[in-house]
Structures are given as structure tokens and as C-alpha cells.
C-alpha atoms as a PDB file:
ATOM      1  CA  UNK A   1     -13.116 -36.882   6.061  1.00  0.00           C
ATOM      2  CA  UNK A   2     -11.654 -37.655   9.796  1.00  0.00           C
ATOM      3  CA  UNK A   3     -13.939 -39.404  12.011  1.00  0.00           C
ATOM      4  CA  UNK A   4     -15.029 -37.928  15.346  1.00  0.00           C
ATOM      5  CA  UNK A   5     -14.720 -40.185  17.525  1.00  0.00           C
ATOM      6  CA  UNK A   6     -14.664 -40.375  21.481  1.00  0.00           C
ATOM      7  CA  UNK A   7     -13.899 -42.421  23.903  1.00  0.00           C
ATOM      8  CA  UNK A   8     -14.965 -42.684  27.770  1.00  0.00           C
ATOM      9  CA  UNK A   9     -12.469 -43.842  30.376  1.00  0.00           C
ATOM     10  CA  UNK A  10     -10.151 -42.313  28.169  1.00  0.00           C
ATOM     11  CA  UNK A  11      -7.001 -42.035  30.837  1.00  0.00           C
ATOM     12  CA  UNK A  12      -7.296 -45.789  30.984  1.00  0.00           C
ATOM     13  CA  UNK A  13      -4.781 -48.564  29.894  1.00  0.00           C
ATOM     14  CA  UNK A  14      -7.251 -50.162  26.919  1.00  0.00           C
ATOM     15  CA  UNK A  15      -8.206 -46.423  25.852  1.00  0.00           C
ATOM     16  CA  UNK A  16      -4.766 -45.281  25.590  1.00  0.00           C
ATOM     17  CA  UNK A  17      -4.052 -47.887  22.923  1.00  0.00           C
ATOM     18  CA  UNK A  18      -7.022 -47.738  21.235  1.00  0.00           C
ATOM     19  CA  UNK A  19      -6.818 -43.852  20.905  1.00  0.00           C
ATOM     20  CA  UNK A  20      -3.141 -44.644  19.461  1.00  0.00           C
ATOM     21  CA  UNK A  21      -4.362 -46.795  16.468  1.00  0.00           C
ATOM     22  CA  UNK A  22      -7.198 -43.977  15.606  1.00  0.00           C
ATOM     23  CA  UNK A  23      -4.755 -41.117  15.782  1.00  0.00           C
ATOM     24  CA  UNK A  24      -2.768 -42.788  13.337  1.00  0.00           C
ATOM     25  CA  UNK A  25      -5.627 -43.732  10.967  1.00  0.00           C
ATOM     26  CA  UNK A  26      -5.798 -39.937  10.864  1.00  0.00           C
ATOM     27  CA  UNK A  27      -9.309 -39.801  12.382  1.00  0.00           C
ATOM     28  CA  UNK A  28      -9.751 -37.279  15.367  1.00  0.00           C
ATOM     29  CA  UNK A  29     -10.167 -38.196  19.058  1.00  0.00           C
ATOM     30  CA  UNK A  30     -11.446 -37.105  22.315  1.00  0.00           C
ATOM     31  CA  UNK A  31     -11.128 -38.786  25.610  1.00  0.00           C
ATOM     32  CA  UNK A  32     -13.157 -38.192  28.591  1.00  0.00           C
ATOM     33  CA  UNK A  33     -12.362 -39.521  31.903  1.00  0.00           C
ATOM     34  CA  UNK A  34     -13.202 -38.292  35.235  1.00  0.00           C
ATOM     35  CA  UNK A  35      -9.771 -39.635  36.077  1.00  0.00           C
ATOM     36  CA  UNK A  36     -10.828 -41.209  39.883  1.00  0.00           C
ATOM     37  CA  UNK A  37      -8.500 -44.130  38.810  1.00  0.00           C
ATOM     38  CA  UNK A  38      -7.240 -43.296  35.344  1.00  0.00           C
ATOM     39  CA  UNK A  39      -4.221 -40.870  35.140  1.00  0.00           C
ATOM     40  CA  UNK A  40      -3.662 -37.601  33.105  1.00  0.00           C
ATOM     41  CA  UNK A  41      -0.389 -38.092  32.437  1.00  0.00           C
ATOM     42  CA  UNK A  42      -1.087 -41.974  30.475  1.00  0.00           C
ATOM     43  CA  UNK A  43      -2.097 -39.045  27.556  1.00  0.00           C
ATOM     44  CA  UNK A  44       1.088 -37.400  27.494  1.00  0.00           C
ATOM     45  CA  UNK A  45       2.088 -38.440  24.112  1.00  0.00           C
ATOM     46  CA  UNK A  46      -1.156 -36.953  22.468  1.00  0.00           C
ATOM     47  CA  UNK A  47      -0.638 -33.693  23.790  1.00  0.00           C
ATOM     48  CA  UNK A  48       1.094 -32.179  20.834  1.00  0.00           C
ATOM     49  CA  UNK A  49      -1.477 -34.087  18.140  1.00  0.00           C
ATOM     50  CA  UNK A  50      -4.271 -31.175  17.178  1.00  0.00           C
ATOM     51  CA  UNK A  51      -6.254 -34.635  16.795  1.00  0.00           C
ATOM     52  CA  UNK A  52      -6.565 -35.411  19.979  1.00  0.00           C
ATOM     53  CA  UNK A  53      -8.352 -33.693  23.137  1.00  0.00           C
ATOM     54  CA  UNK A  54      -9.459 -34.642  26.739  1.00  0.00           C
ATOM     55  CA  UNK A  55     -12.106 -33.510  29.008  1.00  0.00           C
ATOM     56  CA  UNK A  56     -12.669 -34.433  32.504  1.00  0.00           C
ATOM     57  CA  UNK A  57     -15.966 -35.167  33.177  1.00  0.00           C
ATOM     58  CA  UNK A  58     -18.097 -37.915  34.859  1.00  0.00           C
ATOM     59  CA  UNK A  59     -20.036 -40.082  32.502  1.00  0.00           C
ATOM     60  CA  UNK A  60     -22.479 -40.964  35.046  1.00  0.00           C
ATOM     61  CA  UNK A  61     -23.636 -37.093  34.951  1.00  0.00           C
ATOM     62  CA  UNK A  62     -25.865 -37.334  31.601  1.00  0.00           C
ATOM     63  CA  UNK A  63     -25.846 -33.559  31.515  1.00  0.00           C
ATOM     64  CA  UNK A  64     -22.077 -33.208  31.524  1.00  0.00           C
ATOM     65  CA  UNK A  65     -21.759 -35.795  28.929  1.00  0.00           C
ATOM     66  CA  UNK A  66     -24.280 -33.984  26.583  1.00  0.00           C
ATOM     67  CA  UNK A  67     -22.237 -30.670  27.497  1.00  0.00           C
ATOM     68  CA  UNK A  68     -19.220 -32.667  26.871  1.00  0.00           C
ATOM     69  CA  UNK A  69     -20.028 -33.813  23.308  1.00  0.00           C
ATOM     70  CA  UNK A  70     -21.365 -30.536  22.809  1.00  0.00           C
ATOM     71  CA  UNK A  71     -17.972 -28.918  23.781  1.00  0.00           C
ATOM     72  CA  UNK A  72     -15.533 -31.607  21.609  1.00  0.00           C
ATOM     73  CA  UNK A  73     -17.901 -30.395  18.253  1.00  0.00           C
ATOM     74  CA  UNK A  74     -19.637 -33.430  18.215  1.00  0.00           C
ATOM     75  CA  UNK A  75     -19.014 -37.190  17.627  1.00  0.00           C
ATOM     76  CA  UNK A  76     -19.779 -39.526  14.903  1.00  0.00           C
ATOM     77  CA  UNK A  77     -19.357 -42.510  16.851  1.00  0.00           C
ATOM     78  CA  UNK A  78     -18.485 -43.386  20.697  1.00  0.00           C
ATOM     79  CA  UNK A  79     -16.561 -46.349  22.050  1.00  0.00           C
ATOM     80  CA  UNK A  80     -17.970 -46.620  26.154  1.00  0.00           C
ATOM     81  CA  UNK A  81     -14.752 -48.317  27.793  1.00  0.00           C
ATOM     82  CA  UNK A  82     -15.726 -46.052  30.788  1.00  0.00           C
ATOM     83  CA  UNK A  83     -15.872 -48.910  34.443  1.00  0.00           C
ATOM     84  CA  UNK A  84     -14.938 -50.022  37.675  1.00  0.00           C
ATOM     85  CA  UNK A  85     -11.937 -51.903  37.146  1.00  0.00           C
ATOM     86  CA  UNK A  86     -11.359 -52.939  40.583  1.00  0.00           C
ATOM     87  CA  UNK A  87     -13.332 -56.152  40.617  1.00  0.00           C
ATOM     88  CA  UNK A  88     -12.805 -56.990  43.816  1.00  0.00           C
ATOM     89  CA  UNK A  89     -13.706 -53.521  45.190  1.00  0.00           C
ATOM     90  CA  UNK A  90     -16.995 -54.204  43.842  1.00  0.00           C
ATOM     91  CA  UNK A  91     -17.992 -56.909  46.143  1.00  0.00           C
ATOM     92  CA  UNK A  92     -16.684 -55.018  49.580  1.00  0.00           C
ATOM     93  CA  UNK A  93     -19.093 -51.669  48.248  1.00  0.00           C
ATOM     94  CA  UNK A  94     -21.370 -52.577  45.265  1.00  0.00           C
ATOM     95  CA  UNK A  95     -22.110 -49.285  44.902  1.00  0.00           C
ATOM     96  CA  UNK A  96     -18.899 -48.585  43.084  1.00  0.00           C
ATOM     97  CA  UNK A  97     -19.989 -51.079  40.063  1.00  0.00           C
ATOM     98  CA  UNK A  98     -23.289 -49.736  39.900  1.00  0.00           C
ATOM     99  CA  UNK A  99     -21.663 -46.058  39.284  1.00  0.00           C
ATOM    100  CA  UNK A 100     -18.838 -46.310  37.329  1.00  0.00           C
ATOM    101  CA  UNK A 101     -20.053 -49.125  34.881  1.00  0.00           C
ATOM    102  CA  UNK A 102     -24.287 -49.022  35.054  1.00  0.00           C
ATOM    103  CA  UNK A 103     -24.517 -45.530  35.463  1.00  0.00           C
ATOM    104  CA  UNK A 104     -21.820 -44.224  33.251  1.00  0.00           C
ATOM    105  CA  UNK A 105     -23.477 -46.425  30.728  1.00  0.00           C
ATOM    106  CA  UNK A 106     -26.628 -44.697  31.294  1.00  0.00           C
ATOM    107  CA  UNK A 107     -25.336 -41.623  31.425  1.00  0.00           C
ATOM    108  CA  UNK A 108     -23.682 -41.731  27.815  1.00  0.00           C
ATOM    109  CA  UNK A 109     -26.952 -43.140  26.414  1.00  0.00           C
ATOM    110  CA  UNK A 110     -28.858 -40.235  27.621  1.00  0.00           C
ATOM    111  CA  UNK A 111     -26.080 -38.116  25.946  1.00  0.00           C
ATOM    112  CA  UNK A 112     -25.982 -39.631  23.079  1.00  0.00           C
ATOM    113  CA  UNK A 113     -29.667 -39.401  22.545  1.00  0.00           C
ATOM    114  CA  UNK A 114     -29.712 -35.563  23.313  1.00  0.00           C
ATOM    115  CA  UNK A 115     -26.475 -35.195  21.092  1.00  0.00           C
ATOM    116  CA  UNK A 116     -27.827 -36.905  18.391  1.00  0.00           C
ATOM    117  CA  UNK A 117     -24.535 -39.589  18.195  1.00  0.00           C
ATOM    118  CA  UNK A 118     -25.338 -42.562  16.040  1.00  0.00           C
ATOM    119  CA  UNK A 119     -22.666 -45.380  16.867  1.00  0.00           C
ATOM    120  CA  UNK A 120     -21.929 -47.188  20.111  1.00  0.00           C
ATOM    121  CA  UNK A 121     -18.896 -49.484  20.453  1.00  0.00           C
ATOM    122  CA  UNK A 122     -19.431 -51.170  24.195  1.00  0.00           C
ATOM    123  CA  UNK A 123     -16.740 -53.007  26.210  1.00  0.00           C
ATOM    124  CA  UNK A 124     -18.519 -55.615  27.882  1.00  0.00           C
ATOM    125  CA  UNK A 125     -16.891 -58.379  29.425  1.00  0.00           C
ATOM    126  CA  UNK A 126     -17.037 -62.409  29.849  1.00  0.00           C
ATOM    127  CA  UNK A 127     -17.997 -61.778  33.225  1.00  0.00           C
ATOM    128  CA  UNK A 128     -21.568 -61.576  32.424  1.00  0.00           C
ATOM    129  CA  UNK A 129     -21.817 -65.166  31.424  1.00  0.00           C
ATOM    130  CA  UNK A 130     -21.079 -66.234  35.491  1.00  0.00           C
ATOM    131  CA  UNK A 131     -19.750 -69.418  36.021  1.00  0.00           C
ATOM    132  CA  UNK A 132     -20.350 -72.051  33.048  1.00  0.00           C
ATOM    133  CA  UNK A 133     -18.304 -74.414  33.728  1.00  0.00           C
ATOM    134  CA  UNK A 134     -16.404 -76.677  31.623  1.00  0.00           C
ATOM    135  CA  UNK A 135     -18.970 -75.543  28.762  1.00  0.00           C
ATOM    136  CA  UNK A 136     -17.757 -73.686  25.354  1.00  0.00           C
ATOM    137  CA  UNK A 137     -19.276 -70.258  26.193  1.00  0.00           C
ATOM    138  CA  UNK A 138     -20.667 -68.549  22.771  1.00  0.00           C
ATOM    139  CA  UNK A 139     -22.783 -65.594  22.481  1.00  0.00           C
ATOM    140  CA  UNK A 140     -25.922 -67.266  22.524  1.00  0.00           C
ATOM    141  CA  UNK A 141     -25.625 -68.915  25.723  1.00  0.00           C
ATOM    142  CA  UNK A 142     -27.974 -69.159  28.639  1.00  0.00           C
ATOM    143  CA  UNK A 143     -29.130 -67.863  31.282  1.00  0.00           C
ATOM    144  CA  UNK A 144     -26.547 -65.771  32.025  1.00  0.00           C
ATOM    145  CA  UNK A 145     -25.959 -65.235  35.748  1.00  0.00           C
ATOM    146  CA  UNK A 146     -23.079 -63.627  36.899  1.00  0.00           C
ATOM    147  CA  UNK A 147     -21.201 -63.976  39.842  1.00  0.00           C
ATOM    148  CA  UNK A 148     -19.610 -60.253  40.279  1.00  0.00           C
ATOM    149  CA  UNK A 149     -21.560 -56.799  40.589  1.00  0.00           C
ATOM    150  CA  UNK A 150     -19.177 -56.093  37.892  1.00  0.00           C
ATOM    151  CA  UNK A 151     -20.706 -58.828  35.660  1.00  0.00           C
ATOM    152  CA  UNK A 152     -23.872 -58.198  36.538  1.00  0.00           C
ATOM    153  CA  UNK A 153     -23.253 -54.594  35.806  1.00  0.00           C
ATOM    154  CA  UNK A 154     -21.646 -54.536  32.343  1.00  0.00           C
ATOM    155  CA  UNK A 155     -25.526 -57.377  31.407  1.00  0.00           C
ATOM    156  CA  UNK A 156     -27.393 -54.691  32.964  1.00  0.00           C
ATOM    157  CA  UNK A 157     -25.462 -52.021  31.134  1.00  0.00           C
ATOM    158  CA  UNK A 158     -25.978 -54.511  27.494  1.00  0.00           C
ATOM    159  CA  UNK A 159     -29.660 -54.626  27.970  1.00  0.00           C
ATOM    160  CA  UNK A 160     -29.842 -50.728  28.538  1.00  0.00           C
ATOM    161  CA  UNK A 161     -27.868 -50.285  25.197  1.00  0.00           C
ATOM    162  CA  UNK A 162     -30.348 -52.811  23.352  1.00  0.00           C
ATOM    163  CA  UNK A 163     -33.342 -51.152  24.564  1.00  0.00           C
ATOM    164  CA  UNK A 164     -31.848 -47.630  23.710  1.00  0.00           C
ATOM    165  CA  UNK A 165     -31.043 -49.363  20.369  1.00  0.00           C
ATOM    166  CA  UNK A 166     -34.497 -49.887  19.696  1.00  0.00           C
ATOM    167  CA  UNK A 167     -35.198 -46.417  20.296  1.00  0.00           C
ATOM    168  CA  UNK A 168     -33.452 -44.777  17.653  1.00  0.00           C
ATOM    169  CA  UNK A 169     -29.943 -45.360  18.455  1.00  0.00           C
ATOM    170  CA  UNK A 170     -28.477 -46.095  14.965  1.00  0.00           C
ATOM    171  CA  UNK A 171     -25.624 -48.993  15.569  1.00  0.00           C
ATOM    172  CA  UNK A 172     -24.296 -50.886  18.462  1.00  0.00           C
ATOM    173  CA  UNK A 173     -21.415 -52.919  18.551  1.00  0.00           C
ATOM    174  CA  UNK A 174     -21.166 -55.374  22.157  1.00  0.00           C
ATOM    175  CA  UNK A 175     -17.448 -56.395  22.294  1.00  0.00           C
ATOM    176  CA  UNK A 176     -17.320 -59.015  25.048  1.00  0.00           C
ATOM    177  CA  UNK A 177     -13.818 -58.684  26.564  1.00  0.00           C
ATOM    178  CA  UNK A 178     -11.852 -62.083  27.988  1.00  0.00           C
ATOM    179  CA  UNK A 179      -8.501 -60.825  30.379  1.00  0.00           C
ATOM    180  CA  UNK A 180      -6.324 -57.921  28.442  1.00  0.00           C
ATOM    181  CA  UNK A 181      -3.008 -57.677  29.474  1.00  0.00           C
ATOM    182  CA  UNK A 182      -0.190 -54.909  28.569  1.00  0.00           C
ATOM    183  CA  UNK A 183       1.234 -51.571  29.020  1.00  0.00           C
ATOM    184  CA  UNK A 184       0.228 -49.278  30.618  1.00  0.00           C
ATOM    185  CA  UNK A 185      -1.194 -51.467  33.434  1.00  0.00           C
ATOM    186  CA  UNK A 186      -2.907 -50.468  36.209  1.00  0.00           C
ATOM    187  CA  UNK A 187      -4.506 -53.309  37.848  1.00  0.00           C
ATOM    188  CA  UNK A 188      -4.706 -57.140  36.318  1.00  0.00           C
ATOM    189  CA  UNK A 189      -2.739 -60.221  37.987  1.00  0.00           C
ATOM    190  CA  UNK A 190       0.390 -59.479  36.227  1.00  0.00           C
ATOM    191  CA  UNK A 191       0.917 -56.256  37.667  1.00  0.00           C
ATOM    192  CA  UNK A 192       0.047 -57.759  41.587  1.00  0.00           C
ATOM    193  CA  UNK A 193       2.969 -60.095  41.102  1.00  0.00           C
ATOM    194  CA  UNK A 194       5.384 -58.026  39.758  1.00  0.00           C
ATOM    195  CA  UNK A 195       5.088 -55.281  42.675  1.00  0.00           C
ATOM    196  CA  UNK A 196       4.287 -58.045  45.088  1.00  0.00           C
ATOM    197  CA  UNK A 197       7.764 -59.745  44.491  1.00  0.00           C
ATOM    198  CA  UNK A 198       9.479 -56.146  44.489  1.00  0.00           C
ATOM    199  CA  UNK A 199       8.020 -55.550  48.101  1.00  0.00           C
ATOM    200  CA  UNK A 200       8.837 -59.083  49.126  1.00  0.00           C
ATOM    201  CA  UNK A 201      11.565 -60.442  46.694  1.00  0.00           C
ATOM    202  CA  UNK A 202      11.767 -63.879  48.594  1.00  0.00           C
ATOM    203  CA  UNK A 203       7.692 -64.967  48.524  1.00  0.00           C
ATOM    204  CA  UNK A 204       4.961 -64.656  46.434  1.00  0.00           C
ATOM    205  CA  UNK A 205       1.445 -65.000  48.165  1.00  0.00           C
ATOM    206  CA  UNK A 206      -1.183 -66.153  45.390  1.00  0.00           C
ATOM    207  CA  UNK A 207      -4.889 -65.734  46.002  1.00  0.00           C
ATOM    208  CA  UNK A 208      -5.920 -69.461  45.673  1.00  0.00           C
ATOM    209  CA  UNK A 209      -4.642 -72.579  44.503  1.00  0.00           C
ATOM    210  CA  UNK A 210      -3.279 -71.557  40.588  1.00  0.00           C
ATOM    211  CA  UNK A 211      -4.881 -73.829  38.734  1.00  0.00           C
ATOM    212  CA  UNK A 212      -7.588 -70.981  37.767  1.00  0.00           C
ATOM    213  CA  UNK A 213      -6.814 -71.024  33.583  1.00  0.00           C
ATOM    214  CA  UNK A 214      -8.641 -67.846  31.724  1.00  0.00           C
ATOM    215  CA  UNK A 215      -7.550 -66.988  28.086  1.00  0.00           C
ATOM    216  CA  UNK A 216      -5.197 -63.850  28.105  1.00  0.00           C
ATOM    217  CA  UNK A 217      -5.378 -61.502  25.158  1.00  0.00           C
ATOM    218  CA  UNK A 218      -2.885 -58.747  24.714  1.00  0.00           C
ATOM    219  CA  UNK A 219      -4.325 -55.144  24.221  1.00  0.00           C
ATOM    220  CA  UNK A 220      -2.875 -54.880  21.175  1.00  0.00           C
ATOM    221  CA  UNK A 221      -4.779 -58.080  19.097  1.00  0.00           C
ATOM    222  CA  UNK A 222      -8.036 -56.708  21.164  1.00  0.00           C
ATOM    223  CA  UNK A 223      -7.790 -53.587  19.894  1.00  0.00           C
ATOM    224  CA  UNK A 224      -7.056 -55.117  16.505  1.00  0.00           C
ATOM    225  CA  UNK A 225     -10.441 -57.104  16.899  1.00  0.00           C
ATOM    226  CA  UNK A 226     -12.052 -53.893  17.740  1.00  0.00           C
ATOM    227  CA  UNK A 227     -10.910 -51.864  14.736  1.00  0.00           C
ATOM    228  CA  UNK A 228     -12.436 -54.827  12.866  1.00  0.00           C
ATOM    229  CA  UNK A 229     -15.561 -55.440  14.421  1.00  0.00           C
ATOM    230  CA  UNK A 230     -16.093 -51.686  13.654  1.00  0.00           C
ATOM    231  CA  UNK A 231     -16.199 -52.431   9.354  1.00  0.00           C
ATOM    232  CA  UNK A 232     -18.049 -54.964   9.377  1.00  0.00           C
ATOM    233  CA  UNK A 233     -22.099 -54.455   8.516  1.00  0.00           C
ATOM    234  CA  UNK A 234     -24.045 -54.764  10.909  1.00  0.00           C
ATOM    235  CA  UNK A 235     -26.728 -52.876  13.031  1.00  0.00           C
ATOM    236  CA  UNK A 236     -26.920 -54.423  16.167  1.00  0.00           C
ATOM    237  CA  UNK A 237     -24.000 -57.312  17.059  1.00  0.00           C
ATOM    238  CA  UNK A 238     -22.668 -59.147  19.985  1.00  0.00           C
ATOM    239  CA  UNK A 239     -19.036 -60.551  19.542  1.00  0.00           C
ATOM    240  CA  UNK A 240     -16.789 -62.573  22.479  1.00  0.00           C
ATOM    241  CA  UNK A 241     -13.511 -61.323  21.430  1.00  0.00           C
ATOM    242  CA  UNK A 242     -10.061 -63.145  22.802  1.00  0.00           C
ATOM    243  CA  UNK A 243      -7.300 -65.802  21.638  1.00  0.00           C
ATOM    244  CA  UNK A 244      -7.892 -69.390  20.257  1.00  0.00           C
ATOM    245  CA  UNK A 245      -7.074 -71.505  23.112  1.00  0.00           C
ATOM    246  CA  UNK A 246      -8.047 -72.262  26.637  1.00  0.00           C
ATOM    247  CA  UNK A 247      -5.848 -69.395  28.301  1.00  0.00           C
ATOM    248  CA  UNK A 248      -2.700 -70.823  30.880  1.00  0.00           C
ATOM    249  CA  UNK A 249      -3.262 -71.221  34.991  1.00  0.00           C
ATOM    250  CA  UNK A 250      -2.940 -68.358  37.538  1.00  0.00           C
ATOM    251  CA  UNK A 251       0.816 -70.861  38.278  1.00  0.00           C
ATOM    252  CA  UNK A 252       1.928 -70.386  34.816  1.00  0.00           C
ATOM    253  CA  UNK A 253       1.801 -66.905  35.473  1.00  0.00           C
ATOM    254  CA  UNK A 254       3.139 -66.827  38.709  1.00  0.00           C
ATOM    255  CA  UNK A 255       5.853 -68.453  37.697  1.00  0.00           C
ATOM    256  CA  UNK A 256       6.787 -66.980  34.461  1.00  0.00           C
ATOM    257  CA  UNK A 257       6.601 -63.726  36.868  1.00  0.00           C
ATOM    258  CA  UNK A 258       8.687 -64.830  39.781  1.00  0.00           C
ATOM    259  CA  UNK A 259      11.577 -66.113  37.357  1.00  0.00           C
ATOM    260  CA  UNK A 260      11.654 -62.954  35.825  1.00  0.00           C
ATOM    261  CA  UNK A 261      11.607 -60.769  38.842  1.00  0.00           C
ATOM    262  CA  UNK A 262      12.845 -62.470  41.998  1.00  0.00           C
ATOM    263  CA  UNK A 263      13.904 -66.472  40.442  1.00  0.00           C
ATOM    264  CA  UNK A 264      14.787 -67.562  44.083  1.00  0.00           C
ATOM    265  CA  UNK A 265      11.170 -66.777  45.412  1.00  0.00           C
ATOM    266  CA  UNK A 266       8.974 -69.359  47.276  1.00  0.00           C
ATOM    267  CA  UNK A 267       5.538 -69.492  45.217  1.00  0.00           C
ATOM    268  CA  UNK A 268       3.096 -69.526  48.150  1.00  0.00           C
ATOM    269  CA  UNK A 269      -0.691 -70.615  46.937  1.00  0.00           C
ATOM    270  CA  UNK A 270      -3.971 -70.196  48.845  1.00  0.00           C
ATOM    271  CA  UNK A 271      -6.905 -73.135  49.201  1.00  0.00           C
ATOM    272  CA  UNK A 272      -9.392 -73.677  46.652  1.00  0.00           C
ATOM    273  CA  UNK A 273      -9.434 -72.722  43.100  1.00  0.00           C
ATOM    274  CA  UNK A 274     -10.783 -68.643  43.447  1.00  0.00           C
ATOM    275  CA  UNK A 275      -9.188 -65.893  43.870  1.00  0.00           C
ATOM    276  CA  UNK A 276     -11.906 -63.666  45.483  1.00  0.00           C
ATOM    277  CA  UNK A 277     -15.822 -63.566  45.445  1.00  0.00           C
ATOM    278  CA  UNK A 278     -16.905 -63.275  41.946  1.00  0.00           C
ATOM    279  CA  UNK A 279     -13.654 -64.871  40.332  1.00  0.00           C
ATOM    280  CA  UNK A 280     -14.383 -67.096  38.047  1.00  0.00           C
ATOM    281  CA  UNK A 281     -12.167 -70.374  38.545  1.00  0.00           C
ATOM    282  CA  UNK A 282     -11.797 -71.506  34.550  1.00  0.00           C
ATOM    283  CA  UNK A 283     -13.659 -70.700  31.320  1.00  0.00           C
ATOM    284  CA  UNK A 284     -13.866 -71.808  27.647  1.00  0.00           C
ATOM    285  CA  UNK A 285     -14.343 -68.686  25.036  1.00  0.00           C
ATOM    286  CA  UNK A 286     -15.770 -69.428  21.838  1.00  0.00           C
ATOM    287  CA  UNK A 287     -14.715 -66.798  18.959  1.00  0.00           C
ATOM    288  CA  UNK A 288     -15.887 -68.858  16.449  1.00  0.00           C
ATOM    289  CA  UNK A 289     -18.274 -65.844  15.365  1.00  0.00           C
ATOM    290  CA  UNK A 290     -15.298 -63.028  15.048  1.00  0.00           C
ATOM    291  CA  UNK A 291     -13.260 -66.035  13.011  1.00  0.00           C
ATOM    292  CA  UNK A 292     -15.820 -66.337  10.738  1.00  0.00           C
ATOM    293  CA  UNK A 293     -14.964 -62.463   9.825  1.00  0.00           C
ATOM    294  CA  UNK A 294     -11.597 -63.322   8.852  1.00  0.00           C
ATOM    295  CA  UNK A 295     -10.072 -62.065  12.952  1.00  0.00           C
ATOM    296  CA  UNK A 296      -7.593 -64.262  14.634  1.00  0.00           C
ATOM    297  CA  UNK A 297      -5.216 -63.218  17.372  1.00  0.00           C
ATOM    298  CA  UNK A 298      -1.493 -62.927  16.406  1.00  0.00           C
ATOM    299  CA  UNK A 299      -0.574 -64.112  20.184  1.00  0.00           C
ATOM    300  CA  UNK A 300      -1.944 -67.178  21.740  1.00  0.00           C
ATOM    301  CA  UNK A 301      -2.087 -66.307  25.623  1.00  0.00           C
ATOM    302  CA  UNK A 302       1.146 -68.394  26.388  1.00  0.00           C
ATOM    303  CA  UNK A 303       2.630 -65.669  24.371  1.00  0.00           C
ATOM    304  CA  UNK A 304       0.684 -63.006  25.644  1.00  0.00           C
ATOM    305  CA  UNK A 305       1.355 -63.289  28.868  1.00  0.00           C
ATOM    306  CA  UNK A 306       5.198 -63.738  28.329  1.00  0.00           C
ATOM    307  CA  UNK A 307       4.908 -60.172  26.261  1.00  0.00           C
ATOM    308  CA  UNK A 308       2.943 -58.707  28.807  1.00  0.00           C
ATOM    309  CA  UNK A 309       5.334 -59.826  31.805  1.00  0.00           C
ATOM    310  CA  UNK A 310       7.918 -57.731  30.005  1.00  0.00           C
ATOM    311  CA  UNK A 311       6.393 -54.617  29.359  1.00  0.00           C
ATOM    312  CA  UNK A 312       5.094 -54.718  32.743  1.00  0.00           C
ATOM    313  CA  UNK A 313       8.334 -55.320  34.180  1.00  0.00           C
ATOM    314  CA  UNK A 314       9.695 -52.325  32.411  1.00  0.00           C
ATOM    315  CA  UNK A 315       6.413 -50.279  33.374  1.00  0.00           C
ATOM    316  CA  UNK A 316       7.246 -51.129  36.713  1.00  0.00           C
ATOM    317  CA  UNK A 317      10.773 -50.312  36.380  1.00  0.00           C
ATOM    318  CA  UNK A 318      10.889 -46.483  34.858  1.00  0.00           C
END
């Protein structure tokens, strides 16, 4: 029997790639999005698939979410991807992350309880760890002290999910994402650089000195990991997801984009190793727990960036 999946933030970048894989497996998918940042046309490829449907709703409204689940005919599993995707915006206005990152989680959990949905897969983030310096970040490291409002609200969401699990939620998978790249991109450093060079082909301005170094995971690898974790036994699981490397620098990304979009452009770096308030300049992500289950990324960070640059250039040209 086909599984009934409900994907919040369903018009977003990661959700579109997840939905494509879920439908290809023969399951049914309902995408829910308030379209505050996601675009309805992103889902156009699924419109003729009878196993797909879309409901416009604000996940922070628990009553509306419960109504949407009922309207969809119920759900076996929820993939909760709805969140604020603009971290600097959350610095300027902390209520953005409160509403779009934490209260969406609270609303989804309340609706799940109301409608009897037993399984939650939650898109968390490496931002919950804060700035751990050169430490290898594993799932049990602590204390957890986020330095962005986004990270704080993701961590608060994890805590709320843990409480909901104790109160009767059947199964939870907390998936801690790294920097995820690919298409259709709606934000992120690669898209930002491509658009900047389109606007000013002779100069690329970069926030920070370019030494920031992080792991980057292609969205196809991310979805592969999400679906792999779904098959694992365990009522409450927490996994870091990422490639098995220490990442690449912002300088590498800037030069890769520059060389493809406007080879003669000057790259003007800023000062310091933080691009914005709440930016973690460097982190090393342990994926040993996930690797022990048999999953590894197909693309290391450098190859993921190179591929994503080509995809996003093509996206912006269309």
C-alpha cells in the first residue's frame, strides 16, 4: 500500500527534490506551504501526477494544519521542512525565526497529535551546535549554544519534538543538515555570487575574508540520506548528515563562480572570518553515526560545489 507523506515547506528547494523521489517510489505526497518564500510554480512538474496534491497553509497555525491533514485524507509520515531560510533576516528581526522556524514546528506537532499522525522526520541544522571551533562535531557534543536565532529556534524545535515523543508521538528522526546546495536554489552563497556577477560583471563583493570553511552537501545526496534514515529501525534517532570531508572555503566558491560567470572579475573580500552576525566561520562535522549504517555521500564538498554552480547558472539563465 502506498505511504501517505505530508511535506511542509513543500514548495521549497529541498522539498521539491524530496517530493520527486517519494513520488518515484510509488507513494502519495501532499505538499503544504504558505508560499511566503516558496513559489507555486516550483511544483509544476508534479501537477499532472495523481499521487500529488498541494495545500496552501501556514504551519504555525495548528488548527489550520490539522484541517489540512484532514483535507489530505490523513498522513502516515510528516517531513517537516518549513522554516525561515534567511538567517541574516532573522538577525534583523528575531520574530521571523520564532514564527517560521519554531512556531511552525509547534503547530505541526499539535496537528499531528490532533490527527493521529505517528511519524515525524524533522529537518534540523548544524546551526544548533553554535561555534565549536576546531572540535569535531558529533551528535552528543555539548553544551549546545547556537549563535544565530535560526539555530536557537531549530534547537528549541528539537526540544519540543523530544517532549512530544515522550507524550506519545510514535517515531521521530531528527536530521541535522549541513550547507545544502543544488537546484532549484532560492538562497545561499552560490546563488548570491551568481546574481552579483550578473549585476556587476567586473567585481564580486564577498562578505568576510574568504577563509570561512564548511562542508557542502548536494541536495541529491541529502535526499538519499533522508530516505536511508527513514528505513532504519529506531523510535528516536538523531543524525548529522554531510559529506566525509572538512569542506571548502568561501574563497574557493567565489573563484569557482567567478571563473564560470565572469572570468575577468575582481573578487573583493571583506574583513574578518564571519560573513554576518550568527555566521559560524568553520566547523568540522562528524558523520560517523550515519556512516556506520552504510550511507555515504556520493559527492565530496568540492565536487558538490562545482556541480551546484553549473546547475544554478543554468537555473538563472532560464
